[in-house]
Amino acid sequence: MNTNFGETLKPLFFMGVGALLTFIVNRYTRLDVEITNLFFDAKTQVFPLKDVAWLTAVFHDGLKYLSSALWLVLFLKMLSLIFSKKVFSGADLAKKKTVVFNYCYVLVASLLAATPAWGLCGSPC
C-alpha cells in the first residue's frame, strides 16, 4: 500500500490552523462587535434594517433556508460517498477517506454553529 502520510494529514492541518485563527480572532479581538456596530443604532438601541421586510425575508429567512438546503445536500453527498462500494476500494483509499472526513468536519462544524439559531441554547432565532 503506497500512501503518503503527510498528504493524508495536510487537510487536517489546514483545518486546525483555520480553527485556531478563528478562535483567536473571536476571543481576542472585537471584530464581531465592530461589524455589528455598522448596523446598530446606538441612540435608539435597535437594528434599523431589521424593520425592512424584504431585507428580513431575503437575508434572514432566505439565507437560513438556503444554508439548511446546502447542509442537506452535503450530508446526502457524504452518505453516498460512505455507502458507495467504489469509495473505499482502489489505490487512492487514503484520499477518498480524507474527502469523507472533510465532509464530516464541515457538516459537524456547521451543525454546531447553527445550534444557537435553533433556539436550543436559549438564544432567539
PDB file of N, CA and C in Angstrom:
ATOM      1  N   MET A   1       0.851  -1.187   0.000  1.00  0.00           N
ATOM      2  CA  MET A   1       0.000   0.000   0.000  1.00  0.00           C
ATOM      3  C   MET A   1       0.886   1.235   0.000  1.00  0.00           C
ATOM      4  N   ASN A   2       0.695   2.093  -0.961  1.00  0.00           N
ATOM      5  CA  ASN A   2       1.548   3.249  -1.139  1.00  0.00           C
ATOM      6  C   ASN A   2       0.774   4.520  -0.783  1.00  0.00           C
ATOM      7  N   THR A   3       0.766   4.894   0.501  1.00  0.00           N
ATOM      8  CA  THR A   3       0.092   6.111   0.922  1.00  0.00           C
ATOM      9  C   THR A   3       1.104   7.049   1.542  1.00  0.00           C
ATOM     10  N   ASN A   4       0.943   8.306   1.261  1.00  0.00           N
ATOM     11  CA  ASN A   4       1.808   9.333   1.807  1.00  0.00           C
ATOM     12  C   ASN A   4       1.123   9.906   3.040  1.00  0.00           C
ATOM     13  N   PHE A   5       1.686   9.637   4.210  1.00  0.00           N
ATOM     14  CA  PHE A   5       1.065  10.046   5.464  1.00  0.00           C
ATOM     15  C   PHE A   5       0.928  11.565   5.553  1.00  0.00           C
ATOM     16  N   GLY A   6       1.911  12.294   5.025  1.00  0.00           N
ATOM     17  CA  GLY A   6       1.857  13.759   5.054  1.00  0.00           C
ATOM     18  C   GLY A   6       0.705  14.311   4.228  1.00  0.00           C
ATOM     19  N   GLU A   7       0.451  13.717   3.079  1.00  0.00           N
ATOM     20  CA  GLU A   7      -0.665  14.157   2.240  1.00  0.00           C
ATOM     21  C   GLU A   7      -2.003  13.877   2.907  1.00  0.00           C
ATOM     22  N   THR A   8      -2.072  12.811   3.675  1.00  0.00           N
ATOM     23  CA  THR A   8      -3.307  12.473   4.372  1.00  0.00           C
ATOM     24  C   THR A   8      -3.600  13.481   5.475  1.00  0.00           C
ATOM     25  N   LEU A   9      -2.558  13.958   6.151  1.00  0.00           N
ATOM     26  CA  LEU A   9      -2.744  14.889   7.269  1.00  0.00           C
ATOM     27  C   LEU A   9      -2.816  16.356   6.847  1.00  0.00           C
ATOM     28  N   LYS A  10      -2.483  16.681   5.616  1.00  0.00           N
ATOM     29  CA  LYS A  10      -2.467  18.075   5.174  1.00  0.00           C
ATOM     30  C   LYS A  10      -3.821  18.777   5.359  1.00  0.00           C
ATOM     31  N   PRO A  11      -4.955  18.170   4.946  1.00  0.00           N
ATOM     32  CA  PRO A  11      -6.240  18.849   5.165  1.00  0.00           C
ATOM     33  C   PRO A  11      -6.538  19.049   6.646  1.00  0.00           C
ATOM     34  N   LEU A  12      -6.186  18.065   7.473  1.00  0.00           N
ATOM     35  CA  LEU A  12      -6.404  18.185   8.907  1.00  0.00           C
ATOM     36  C   LEU A  12      -5.582  19.329   9.491  1.00  0.00           C
ATOM     37  N   PHE A  13      -4.354  19.493   9.022  1.00  0.00           N
ATOM     38  CA  PHE A  13      -3.501  20.588   9.473  1.00  0.00           C
ATOM     39  C   PHE A  13      -4.123  21.943   9.130  1.00  0.00           C
ATOM     40  N   PHE A  14      -4.572  22.107   7.883  1.00  0.00           N
ATOM     41  CA  PHE A  14      -5.154  23.383   7.477  1.00  0.00           C
ATOM     42  C   PHE A  14      -6.469  23.667   8.208  1.00  0.00           C
ATOM     43  N   MET A  15      -7.257  22.636   8.465  1.00  0.00           N
ATOM     44  CA  MET A  15      -8.487  22.844   9.231  1.00  0.00           C
ATOM     45  C   MET A  15      -8.159  23.255  10.668  1.00  0.00           C
ATOM     46  N   GLY A  16      -7.131  22.653  11.242  1.00  0.00           N
ATOM     47  CA  GLY A  16      -6.718  23.018  12.593  1.00  0.00           C
ATOM     48  C   GLY A  16      -6.208  24.444  12.670  1.00  0.00           C
ATOM     49  N   VAL A  17      -5.410  24.856  11.688  1.00  0.00           N
ATOM     50  CA  VAL A  17      -4.909  26.236  11.642  1.00  0.00           C
ATOM     51  C   VAL A  17      -6.078  27.206  11.482  1.00  0.00           C
ATOM     52  N   GLY A  18      -7.027  26.854  10.617  1.00  0.00           N
ATOM     53  CA  GLY A  18      -8.202  27.710  10.424  1.00  0.00           C
ATOM     54  C   GLY A  18      -9.029  27.823  11.696  1.00  0.00           C
ATOM     55  N   ALA A  19      -9.208  26.716  12.395  1.00  0.00           N
ATOM     56  CA  ALA A  19      -9.961  26.737  13.651  1.00  0.00           C
ATOM     57  C   ALA A  19      -9.239  27.573  14.702  1.00  0.00           C
ATOM     58  N   LEU A  20      -7.920  27.452  14.762  1.00  0.00           N
ATOM     59  CA  LEU A  20      -7.137  28.230  15.725  1.00  0.00           C
ATOM     60  C   LEU A  20      -7.214  29.724  15.421  1.00  0.00           C
ATOM     61  N   LEU A  21      -7.080  30.095  14.159  1.00  0.00           N
ATOM     62  CA  LEU A  21      -7.189  31.508  13.778  1.00  0.00           C
ATOM     63  C   LEU A  21      -8.576  32.059  14.081  1.00  0.00           C
ATOM     64  N   THR A  22      -9.605  31.270  13.803  1.00  0.00           N
ATOM     65  CA  THR A  22     -10.967  31.699  14.108  1.00  0.00           C
ATOM     66  C   THR A  22     -11.142  31.908  15.607  1.00  0.00           C
ATOM     67  N   PHE A  23     -10.606  30.990  16.407  1.00  0.00           N
ATOM     68  CA  PHE A  23     -10.688  31.123  17.863  1.00  0.00           C
ATOM     69  C   PHE A  23      -9.975  32.383  18.339  1.00  0.00           C
ATOM     70  N   ILE A  24      -8.784  32.627  17.824  1.00  0.00           N
ATOM     71  CA  ILE A  24      -8.007  33.797  18.246  1.00  0.00           C
ATOM     72  C   ILE A  24      -8.720  35.092  17.876  1.00  0.00           C
ATOM     73  N   VAL A  25      -9.203  35.170  16.635  1.00  0.00           N
ATOM     74  CA  VAL A  25      -9.905  36.385  16.198  1.00  0.00           C
ATOM     75  C   VAL A  25     -11.160  36.587  17.031  1.00  0.00           C
ATOM     76  N   ASN A  26     -11.902  35.517  17.304  1.00  0.00           N
ATOM     77  CA  ASN A  26     -13.136  35.624  18.066  1.00  0.00           C
ATOM     78  C   ASN A  26     -12.870  36.009  19.519  1.00  0.00           C
ATOM     79  N   ARG A  27     -11.846  35.411  20.111  1.00  0.00           N
ATOM     80  CA  ARG A  27     -11.604  35.585  21.533  1.00  0.00           C
ATOM     81  C   ARG A  27     -10.858  36.878  21.874  1.00  0.00           C
ATOM     82  N   TYR A  28      -9.921  37.291  21.022  1.00  0.00           N
ATOM     83  CA  TYR A  28      -9.014  38.373  21.402  1.00  0.00           C
ATOM     84  C   TYR A  28      -9.165  39.649  20.581  1.00  0.00           C
ATOM     85  N   THR A  29     -10.163  39.728  19.731  1.00  0.00           N
ATOM     86  CA  THR A  29     -10.429  40.979  19.023  1.00  0.00           C
ATOM     87  C   THR A  29     -11.893  41.342  19.205  1.00  0.00           C
ATOM     88  N   ARG A  30     -12.229  42.529  18.824  1.00  0.00           N
ATOM     89  CA  ARG A  30     -13.621  42.974  18.879  1.00  0.00           C
ATOM     90  C   ARG A  30     -14.180  43.099  17.462  1.00  0.00           C
ATOM     91  N   LEU A  31     -13.691  42.275  16.566  1.00  0.00           N
ATOM     92  CA  LEU A  31     -14.099  42.360  15.174  1.00  0.00           C
ATOM     93  C   LEU A  31     -15.598  42.157  15.011  1.00  0.00           C
ATOM     94  N   ASP A  32     -16.170  41.179  15.723  1.00  0.00           N
ATOM     95  CA  ASP A  32     -17.608  40.941  15.606  1.00  0.00           C
ATOM     96  C   ASP A  32     -18.420  42.126  16.113  1.00  0.00           C
ATOM     97  N   VAL A  33     -17.957  42.777  17.177  1.00  0.00           N
ATOM     98  CA  VAL A  33     -18.658  43.949  17.718  1.00  0.00           C
ATOM     99  C   VAL A  33     -18.558  45.118  16.741  1.00  0.00           C
ATOM    100  N   GLU A  34     -17.396  45.319  16.159  1.00  0.00           N
ATOM    101  CA  GLU A  34     -17.217  46.419  15.209  1.00  0.00           C
ATOM    102  C   GLU A  34     -18.091  46.232  13.965  1.00  0.00           C
ATOM    103  N   ILE A  35     -18.189  45.025  13.478  1.00  0.00           N
ATOM    104  CA  ILE A  35     -19.043  44.762  12.320  1.00  0.00           C
ATOM    105  C   ILE A  35     -20.508  44.965  12.690  1.00  0.00           C
ATOM    106  N   THR A  36     -20.902  44.491  13.872  1.00  0.00           N
ATOM    107  CA  THR A  36     -22.282  44.671  14.326  1.00  0.00           C
ATOM    108  C   THR A  36     -22.618  46.147  14.478  1.00  0.00           C
ATOM    109  N   ASN A  37     -21.676  46.945  14.966  1.00  0.00           N
ATOM    110  CA  ASN A  37     -21.920  48.370  15.164  1.00  0.00           C
ATOM    111  C   ASN A  37     -22.178  49.120  13.860  1.00  0.00           C
ATOM    112  N   LEU A  38     -21.743  48.553  12.736  1.00  0.00           N
ATOM    113  CA  LEU A  38     -22.055  49.184  11.452  1.00  0.00           C
ATOM    114  C   LEU A  38     -23.555  49.179  11.178  1.00  0.00           C
ATOM    115  N   PHE A  39     -24.280  48.235  11.762  1.00  0.00           N
ATOM    116  CA  PHE A  39     -25.706  48.075  11.501  1.00  0.00           C
ATOM    117  C   PHE A  39     -26.577  48.401  12.713  1.00  0.00           C
ATOM    118  N   PHE A  40     -25.978  48.806  13.815  1.00  0.00           N
ATOM    119  CA  PHE A  40     -26.704  49.062  15.060  1.00  0.00           C
ATOM    120  C   PHE A  40     -26.769  50.554  15.342  1.00  0.00           C
ATOM    121  N   ASP A  41     -27.956  51.031  15.682  1.00  0.00           N
ATOM    122  CA  ASP A  41     -28.139  52.433  16.036  1.00  0.00           C
ATOM    123  C   ASP A  41     -28.067  52.554  17.556  1.00  0.00           C
ATOM    124  N   ALA A  42     -26.966  53.103  18.052  1.00  0.00           N
ATOM    125  CA  ALA A  42     -26.744  53.174  19.497  1.00  0.00           C
ATOM    126  C   ALA A  42     -27.724  54.121  20.184  1.00  0.00           C
ATOM    127  N   LYS A  43     -28.183  55.129  19.475  1.00  0.00           N
ATOM    128  CA  LYS A  43     -29.092  56.105  20.068  1.00  0.00           C
ATOM    129  C   LYS A  43     -30.444  55.471  20.396  1.00  0.00           C
ATOM    130  N   THR A  44     -30.992  54.721  19.471  1.00  0.00           N
ATOM    131  CA  THR A  44     -32.302  54.091  19.692  1.00  0.00           C
ATOM    132  C   THR A  44     -32.186  52.654  20.196  1.00  0.00           C
ATOM    133  N   GLN A  45     -30.983  52.101  20.216  1.00  0.00           N
ATOM    134  CA  GLN A  45     -30.716  50.738  20.689  1.00  0.00           C
ATOM    135  C   GLN A  45     -31.453  49.671  19.879  1.00  0.00           C
ATOM    136  N   VAL A  46     -31.511  49.866  18.556  1.00  0.00           N
ATOM    137  CA  VAL A  46     -32.154  48.886  17.670  1.00  0.00           C
ATOM    138  C   VAL A  46     -31.316  48.720  16.405  1.00  0.00           C
ATOM    139  N   PHE A  47     -31.631  47.669  15.664  1.00  0.00           N
ATOM    140  CA  PHE A  47     -31.071  47.461  14.338  1.00  0.00           C
ATOM    141  C   PHE A  47     -32.099  47.988  13.332  1.00  0.00           C
ATOM    142  N   PRO A  48     -31.887  49.158  12.748  1.00  0.00           N
ATOM    143  CA  PRO A  48     -32.896  49.759  11.870  1.00  0.00           C
ATOM    144  C   PRO A  48     -33.254  48.901  10.651  1.00  0.00           C
ATOM    145  N   LEU A  49     -32.298  48.175  10.111  1.00  0.00           N
ATOM    146  CA  LEU A  49     -32.576  47.371   8.923  1.00  0.00           C
ATOM    147  C   LEU A  49     -33.454  46.155   9.231  1.00  0.00           C
ATOM    148  N   LYS A  50     -33.616  45.842  10.509  1.00  0.00           N
ATOM    149  CA  LYS A  50     -34.451  44.708  10.895  1.00  0.00           C
ATOM    150  C   LYS A  50     -35.922  44.956  10.569  1.00  0.00           C
ATOM    151  N   ASP A  51     -36.305  46.215  10.477  1.00  0.00           N
ATOM    152  CA  ASP A  51     -37.693  46.565  10.199  1.00  0.00           C
ATOM    153  C   ASP A  51     -38.022  46.610   8.712  1.00  0.00           C
ATOM    154  N   VAL A  52     -37.035  46.436   7.846  1.00  0.00           N
ATOM    155  CA  VAL A  52     -37.273  46.421   6.405  1.00  0.00           C
ATOM    156  C   VAL A  52     -37.651  44.988   6.021  1.00  0.00           C
ATOM    157  N   ALA A  53     -38.906  44.811   5.601  1.00  0.00           N
ATOM    158  CA  ALA A  53     -39.464  43.463   5.407  1.00  0.00           C
ATOM    159  C   ALA A  53     -38.694  42.653   4.364  1.00  0.00           C
ATOM    160  N   TRP A  54     -38.343  43.256   3.231  1.00  0.00           N
ATOM    161  CA  TRP A  54     -37.690  42.476   2.180  1.00  0.00           C
ATOM    162  C   TRP A  54     -36.272  42.085   2.579  1.00  0.00           C
ATOM    163  N   LEU A  55     -35.589  42.930   3.353  1.00  0.00           N
ATOM    164  CA  LEU A  55     -34.255  42.566   3.830  1.00  0.00           C
ATOM    165  C   LEU A  55     -34.332  41.383   4.798  1.00  0.00           C
ATOM    166  N   THR A  56     -35.341  41.413   5.663  1.00  0.00           N
ATOM    167  CA  THR A  56     -35.519  40.304   6.595  1.00  0.00           C
ATOM    168  C   THR A  56     -35.843  39.016   5.843  1.00  0.00           C
ATOM    169  N   ALA A  57     -36.711  39.120   4.848  1.00  0.00           N
ATOM    170  CA  ALA A  57     -37.111  37.928   4.088  1.00  0.00           C
ATOM    171  C   ALA A  57     -35.935  37.348   3.305  1.00  0.00           C
ATOM    172  N   VAL A  58     -35.170  38.205   2.657  1.00  0.00           N
ATOM    173  CA  VAL A  58     -34.071  37.718   1.816  1.00  0.00           C
ATOM    174  C   VAL A  58     -32.871  37.286   2.648  1.00  0.00           C
ATOM    175  N   PHE A  59     -32.412  38.155   3.526  1.00  0.00           N
ATOM    176  CA  PHE A  59     -31.143  37.885   4.205  1.00  0.00           C
ATOM    177  C   PHE A  59     -31.278  37.079   5.487  1.00  0.00           C
ATOM    178  N   HIS A  60     -32.423  37.048   6.096  1.00  0.00           N
ATOM    179  CA  HIS A  60     -32.568  36.227   7.293  1.00  0.00           C
ATOM    180  C   HIS A  60     -33.204  34.890   6.943  1.00  0.00           C
ATOM    181  N   ASP A  61     -34.442  34.948   6.495  1.00  0.00           N
ATOM    182  CA  ASP A  61     -35.154  33.706   6.195  1.00  0.00           C
ATOM    183  C   ASP A  61     -34.572  32.996   4.977  1.00  0.00           C
ATOM    184  N   GLY A  62     -34.314  33.742   3.914  1.00  0.00           N
ATOM    185  CA  GLY A  62     -33.810  33.132   2.682  1.00  0.00           C
ATOM    186  C   GLY A  62     -32.470  32.448   2.871  1.00  0.00           C
ATOM    187  N   LEU A  63     -31.534  33.138   3.516  1.00  0.00           N
ATOM    188  CA  LEU A  63     -30.219  32.540   3.743  1.00  0.00           C
ATOM    189  C   LEU A  63     -30.267  31.387   4.739  1.00  0.00           C
ATOM    190  N   LYS A  64     -31.200  31.470   5.683  1.00  0.00           N
ATOM    191  CA  LYS A  64     -31.349  30.369   6.634  1.00  0.00           C
ATOM    192  C   LYS A  64     -31.800  29.104   5.905  1.00  0.00           C
ATOM    193  N   TYR A  65     -32.790  29.242   5.028  1.00  0.00           N
ATOM    194  CA  TYR A  65     -33.270  28.069   4.286  1.00  0.00           C
ATOM    195  C   TYR A  65     -32.252  27.596   3.257  1.00  0.00           C
ATOM    196  N   LEU A  66     -31.543  28.533   2.632  1.00  0.00           N
ATOM    197  CA  LEU A  66     -30.515  28.150   1.669  1.00  0.00           C
ATOM    198  C   LEU A  66     -29.388  27.377   2.347  1.00  0.00           C
ATOM    199  N   SER A  67     -28.948  27.835   3.516  1.00  0.00           N
ATOM    200  CA  SER A  67     -27.878  27.118   4.220  1.00  0.00           C
ATOM    201  C   SER A  67     -28.354  25.756   4.704  1.00  0.00           C
ATOM    202  N   SER A  68     -29.612  25.652   5.106  1.00  0.00           N
ATOM    203  CA  SER A  68     -30.154  24.346   5.505  1.00  0.00           C
ATOM    204  C   SER A  68     -30.195  23.391   4.323  1.00  0.00           C
ATOM    205  N   ALA A  69     -30.607  23.882   3.168  1.00  0.00           N
ATOM    206  CA  ALA A  69     -30.648  23.043   1.966  1.00  0.00           C
ATOM    207  C   ALA A  69     -29.244  22.611   1.557  1.00  0.00           C
ATOM    208  N   LEU A  70     -28.275  23.532   1.625  1.00  0.00           N
ATOM    209  CA  LEU A  70     -26.894  23.195   1.294  1.00  0.00           C
ATOM    210  C   LEU A  70     -26.347  22.146   2.257  1.00  0.00           C
ATOM    211  N   TRP A  71     -26.659  22.283   3.533  1.00  0.00           N
ATOM    212  CA  TRP A  71     -26.223  21.300   4.517  1.00  0.00           C
ATOM    213  C   TRP A  71     -26.796  19.933   4.178  1.00  0.00           C
ATOM    214  N   LEU A  72     -28.081  19.885   3.828  1.00  0.00           N
ATOM    215  CA  LEU A  72     -28.708  18.614   3.497  1.00  0.00           C
ATOM    216  C   LEU A  72     -28.068  17.983   2.261  1.00  0.00           C
ATOM    217  N   VAL A  73     -27.751  18.797   1.251  1.00  0.00           N
ATOM    218  CA  VAL A  73     -27.089  18.285   0.046  1.00  0.00           C
ATOM    219  C   VAL A  73     -25.719  17.710   0.394  1.00  0.00           C
ATOM    220  N   LEU A  74     -24.940  18.415   1.201  1.00  0.00           N
ATOM    221  CA  LEU A  74     -23.627  17.909   1.611  1.00  0.00           C
ATOM    222  C   LEU A  74     -23.752  16.627   2.434  1.00  0.00           C
ATOM    223  N   PHE A  75     -24.754  16.571   3.287  1.00  0.00           N
ATOM    224  CA  PHE A  75     -24.973  15.374   4.096  1.00  0.00           C
ATOM    225  C   PHE A  75     -25.296  14.169   3.210  1.00  0.00           C
ATOM    226  N   LEU A  76     -26.187  14.371   2.233  1.00  0.00           N
ATOM    227  CA  LEU A  76     -26.530  13.284   1.316  1.00  0.00           C
ATOM    228  C   LEU A  76     -25.327  12.873   0.468  1.00  0.00           C
ATOM    229  N   LYS A  77     -24.511  13.847   0.058  1.00  0.00           N
ATOM    230  CA  LYS A  77     -23.300  13.534  -0.704  1.00  0.00           C
ATOM    231  C   LYS A  77     -22.335  12.704   0.139  1.00  0.00           C
ATOM    232  N   MET A  78     -22.192  13.081   1.403  1.00  0.00           N
ATOM    233  CA  MET A  78     -21.312  12.331   2.283  1.00  0.00           C
ATOM    234  C   MET A  78     -21.816  10.897   2.454  1.00  0.00           C
ATOM    235  N   LEU A  79     -23.129  10.738   2.652  1.00  0.00           N
ATOM    236  CA  LEU A  79     -23.688   9.392   2.781  1.00  0.00           C
ATOM    237  C   LEU A  79     -23.467   8.571   1.522  1.00  0.00           C
ATOM    238  N   SER A  80     -23.601   9.211   0.365  1.00  0.00           N
ATOM    239  CA  SER A  80     -23.381   8.476  -0.878  1.00  0.00           C
ATOM    240  C   SER A  80     -21.914   8.053  -1.011  1.00  0.00           C
ATOM    241  N   LEU A  81     -20.994   8.885  -0.525  1.00  0.00           N
ATOM    242  CA  LEU A  81     -19.581   8.506  -0.542  1.00  0.00           C
ATOM    243  C   LEU A  81     -19.291   7.365   0.419  1.00  0.00           C
ATOM    244  N   ILE A  82     -19.909   7.405   1.573  1.00  0.00           N
ATOM    245  CA  ILE A  82     -19.653   6.373   2.576  1.00  0.00           C
ATOM    246  C   ILE A  82     -20.187   5.023   2.117  1.00  0.00           C
ATOM    247  N   PHE A  83     -21.381   5.007   1.560  1.00  0.00           N
ATOM    248  CA  PHE A  83     -22.020   3.737   1.217  1.00  0.00           C
ATOM    249  C   PHE A  83     -21.746   3.266  -0.209  1.00  0.00           C
ATOM    250  N   SER A  84     -21.001   4.044  -0.968  1.00  0.00           N
ATOM    251  CA  SER A  84     -20.637   3.622  -2.316  1.00  0.00           C
ATOM    252  C   SER A  84     -19.527   2.583  -2.233  1.00  0.00           C
ATOM    253  N   LYS A  85     -19.651   1.524  -2.994  1.00  0.00           N
ATOM    254  CA  LYS A  85     -18.648   0.453  -2.958  1.00  0.00           C
ATOM    255  C   LYS A  85     -17.309   0.922  -3.542  1.00  0.00           C
ATOM    256  N   LYS A  86     -17.329   1.852  -4.472  1.00  0.00           N
ATOM    257  CA  LYS A  86     -16.084   2.282  -5.098  1.00  0.00           C
ATOM    258  C   LYS A  86     -15.299   3.284  -4.265  1.00  0.00           C
ATOM    259  N   VAL A  87     -15.897   3.843  -3.214  1.00  0.00           N
ATOM    260  CA  VAL A  87     -15.209   4.849  -2.407  1.00  0.00           C
ATOM    261  C   VAL A  87     -14.027   4.250  -1.662  1.00  0.00           C
ATOM    262  N   PHE A  88     -14.215   3.135  -1.016  1.00  0.00           N
ATOM    263  CA  PHE A  88     -13.172   2.572  -0.178  1.00  0.00           C
ATOM    264  C   PHE A  88     -12.472   1.387  -0.837  1.00  0.00           C
ATOM    265  N   SER A  89     -12.301   1.467  -2.142  1.00  0.00           N
ATOM    266  CA  SER A  89     -11.527   0.455  -2.848  1.00  0.00           C
ATOM    267  C   SER A  89     -10.623   1.159  -3.844  1.00  0.00           C
ATOM    268  N   GLY A  90      -9.551   0.533  -4.187  1.00  0.00           N
ATOM    269  CA  GLY A  90      -8.654   1.138  -5.148  1.00  0.00           C
ATOM    270  C   GLY A  90      -7.409   1.693  -4.502  1.00  0.00           C
ATOM    271  N   ALA A  91      -6.556   2.287  -5.332  1.00  0.00           N
ATOM    272  CA  ALA A  91      -5.245   2.758  -4.890  1.00  0.00           C
ATOM    273  C   ALA A  91      -5.318   4.041  -4.076  1.00  0.00           C
ATOM    274  N   ASP A  92      -6.332   4.862  -4.311  1.00  0.00           N
ATOM    275  CA  ASP A  92      -6.387   6.155  -3.612  1.00  0.00           C
ATOM    276  C   ASP A  92      -7.345   6.116  -2.430  1.00  0.00           C
ATOM    277  N   LEU A  93      -7.258   5.063  -1.628  1.00  0.00           N
ATOM    278  CA  LEU A  93      -8.102   4.878  -0.460  1.00  0.00           C
ATOM    279  C   LEU A  93      -7.936   6.026   0.541  1.00  0.00           C
ATOM    280  N   ALA A  94      -6.717   6.422   0.828  1.00  0.00           N
ATOM    281  CA  ALA A  94      -6.464   7.481   1.805  1.00  0.00           C
ATOM    282  C   ALA A  94      -7.063   8.803   1.347  1.00  0.00           C
ATOM    283  N   LYS A  95      -6.959   9.099   0.068  1.00  0.00           N
ATOM    284  CA  LYS A  95      -7.515  10.350  -0.453  1.00  0.00           C
ATOM    285  C   LYS A  95      -9.039  10.372  -0.310  1.00  0.00           C
ATOM    286  N   LYS A  96      -9.674   9.256  -0.595  1.00  0.00           N
ATOM    287  CA  LYS A  96     -11.125   9.199  -0.501  1.00  0.00           C
ATOM    288  C   LYS A  96     -11.589   9.257   0.953  1.00  0.00           C
ATOM    289  N   LYS A  97     -10.831   8.650   1.865  1.00  0.00           N
ATOM    290  CA  LYS A  97     -11.163   8.759   3.284  1.00  0.00           C
ATOM    291  C   LYS A  97     -11.034  10.208   3.750  1.00  0.00           C
ATOM    292  N   THR A  98     -10.031  10.917   3.227  1.00  0.00           N
ATOM    293  CA  THR A  98      -9.843  12.322   3.568  1.00  0.00           C
ATOM    294  C   THR A  98     -11.019  13.156   3.084  1.00  0.00           C
ATOM    295  N   VAL A  99     -11.531  12.864   1.902  1.00  0.00           N
ATOM    296  CA  VAL A  99     -12.686  13.594   1.376  1.00  0.00           C
ATOM    297  C   VAL A  99     -13.894  13.372   2.279  1.00  0.00           C
ATOM    298  N   VAL A 100     -14.134  12.140   2.681  1.00  0.00           N
ATOM    299  CA  VAL A 100     -15.255  11.848   3.575  1.00  0.00           C
ATOM    300  C   VAL A 100     -15.044  12.547   4.913  1.00  0.00           C
ATOM    301  N   PHE A 101     -13.805  12.528   5.427  1.00  0.00           N
ATOM    302  CA  PHE A 101     -13.515  13.223   6.683  1.00  0.00           C
ATOM    303  C   PHE A 101     -13.793  14.721   6.554  1.00  0.00           C
ATOM    304  N   ASN A 102     -13.412  15.322   5.429  1.00  0.00           N
ATOM    305  CA  ASN A 102     -13.653  16.747   5.223  1.00  0.00           C
ATOM    306  C   ASN A 102     -15.147  17.059   5.203  1.00  0.00           C
ATOM    307  N   TYR A 103     -15.926  16.217   4.538  1.00  0.00           N
ATOM    308  CA  TYR A 103     -17.377  16.396   4.552  1.00  0.00           C
ATOM    309  C   TYR A 103     -17.906  16.320   5.980  1.00  0.00           C
ATOM    310  N   CYS A 104     -17.465  15.320   6.727  1.00  0.00           N
ATOM    311  CA  CYS A 104     -17.915  15.172   8.113  1.00  0.00           C
ATOM    312  C   CYS A 104     -17.546  16.389   8.946  1.00  0.00           C
ATOM    313  N   TYR A 105     -16.329  16.873   8.777  1.00  0.00           N
ATOM    314  CA  TYR A 105     -15.861  18.034   9.535  1.00  0.00           C
ATOM    315  C   TYR A 105     -16.731  19.251   9.249  1.00  0.00           C
ATOM    316  N   VAL A 106     -16.969  19.539   7.983  1.00  0.00           N
ATOM    317  CA  VAL A 106     -17.772  20.707   7.604  1.00  0.00           C
ATOM    318  C   VAL A 106     -19.198  20.563   8.123  1.00  0.00           C
ATOM    319  N   LEU A 107     -19.761  19.379   8.002  1.00  0.00           N
ATOM    320  CA  LEU A 107     -21.136  19.170   8.439  1.00  0.00           C
ATOM    321  C   LEU A 107     -21.284  19.298   9.949  1.00  0.00           C
ATOM    322  N   VAL A 108     -20.390  18.701  10.692  1.00  0.00           N
ATOM    323  CA  VAL A 108     -20.477  18.787  12.158  1.00  0.00           C
ATOM    324  C   VAL A 108     -20.212  20.212  12.623  1.00  0.00           C
ATOM    325  N   ALA A 109     -19.226  20.881  12.044  1.00  0.00           N
ATOM    326  CA  ALA A 109     -18.926  22.269  12.435  1.00  0.00           C
ATOM    327  C   ALA A 109     -20.102  23.187  12.136  1.00  0.00           C
ATOM    328  N   SER A 110     -20.713  23.026  10.969  1.00  0.00           N
ATOM    329  CA  SER A 110     -21.845  23.888  10.631  1.00  0.00           C
ATOM    330  C   SER A 110     -23.058  23.562  11.488  1.00  0.00           C
ATOM    331  N   LEU A 111     -23.232  22.309  11.834  1.00  0.00           N
ATOM    332  CA  LEU A 111     -24.337  21.930  12.712  1.00  0.00           C
ATOM    333  C   LEU A 111     -24.162  22.538  14.094  1.00  0.00           C
ATOM    334  N   LEU A 112     -22.942  22.501  14.618  1.00  0.00           N
ATOM    335  CA  LEU A 112     -22.677  23.103  15.927  1.00  0.00           C
ATOM    336  C   LEU A 112     -22.816  24.622  15.891  1.00  0.00           C
ATOM    337  N   ALA A 113     -22.410  25.232  14.781  1.00  0.00           N
ATOM    338  CA  ALA A 113     -22.530  26.684  14.659  1.00  0.00           C
ATOM    339  C   ALA A 113     -23.987  27.113  14.560  1.00  0.00           C
ATOM    340  N   ALA A 114     -24.838  26.275  13.989  1.00  0.00           N
ATOM    341  CA  ALA A 114     -26.242  26.623  13.808  1.00  0.00           C
ATOM    342  C   ALA A 114     -27.093  26.303  15.026  1.00  0.00           C
ATOM    343  N   THR A 115     -26.569  25.578  15.980  1.00  0.00           N
ATOM    344  CA  THR A 115     -27.353  25.175  17.146  1.00  0.00           C
ATOM    345  C   THR A 115     -27.996  26.357  17.876  1.00  0.00           C
ATOM    346  N   PRO A 116     -27.287  27.466  18.140  1.00  0.00           N
ATOM    347  CA  PRO A 116     -27.961  28.592  18.797  1.00  0.00           C
ATOM    348  C   PRO A 116     -29.104  29.169  17.960  1.00  0.00           C
ATOM    349  N   ALA A 117     -29.014  29.100  16.656  1.00  0.00           N
ATOM    350  CA  ALA A 117     -30.065  29.642  15.802  1.00  0.00           C
ATOM    351  C   ALA A 117     -31.351  28.843  15.923  1.00  0.00           C
ATOM    352  N   TRP A 118     -31.259  27.597  16.352  1.00  0.00           N
ATOM    353  CA  TRP A 118     -32.454  26.788  16.513  1.00  0.00           C
ATOM    354  C   TRP A 118     -33.145  27.042  17.846  1.00  0.00           C
ATOM    355  N   GLY A 119     -32.524  27.863  18.687  1.00  0.00           N
ATOM    356  CA  GLY A 119     -33.120  28.141  19.992  1.00  0.00           C
ATOM    357  C   GLY A 119     -32.780  27.088  21.034  1.00  0.00           C
ATOM    358  N   LEU A 120     -31.866  26.176  20.730  1.00  0.00           N
ATOM    359  CA  LEU A 120     -31.523  25.121  21.680  1.00  0.00           C
ATOM    360  C   LEU A 120     -30.614  25.626  22.797  1.00  0.00           C
ATOM    361  N   CYS A 121     -29.977  26.746  22.568  1.00  0.00           N
ATOM    362  CA  CYS A 121     -29.061  27.269  23.575  1.00  0.00           C
ATOM    363  C   CYS A 121     -29.623  28.495  24.285  1.00  0.00           C
ATOM    364  N   GLY A 122     -30.912  28.730  24.128  1.00  0.00           N
ATOM    365  CA  GLY A 122     -31.546  29.846  24.818  1.00  0.00           C
ATOM    366  C   GLY A 122     -31.529  31.155  24.050  1.00  0.00           C
ATOM    367  N   SER A 123     -30.908  31.205  22.888  1.00  0.00           N
ATOM    368  CA  SER A 123     -30.905  32.458  22.132  1.00  0.00           C
ATOM    369  C   SER A 123     -32.019  32.430  21.089  1.00  0.00           C
ATOM    370  N   PRO A 124     -32.604  33.587  20.789  1.00  0.00           N
ATOM    371  CA  PRO A 124     -33.698  33.612  19.820  1.00  0.00           C
ATOM    372  C   PRO A 124     -33.206  33.396  18.406  1.00  0.00           C
ATOM    373  N   CYS A 125     -34.099  32.929  17.548  1.00  0.00           N
ATOM    374  CA  CYS A 125     -33.770  32.665  16.154  1.00  0.00           C
ATOM    375  C   CYS A 125     -33.725  33.948  15.361  1.00  0.00           C
TER     376      CYS A 125
END
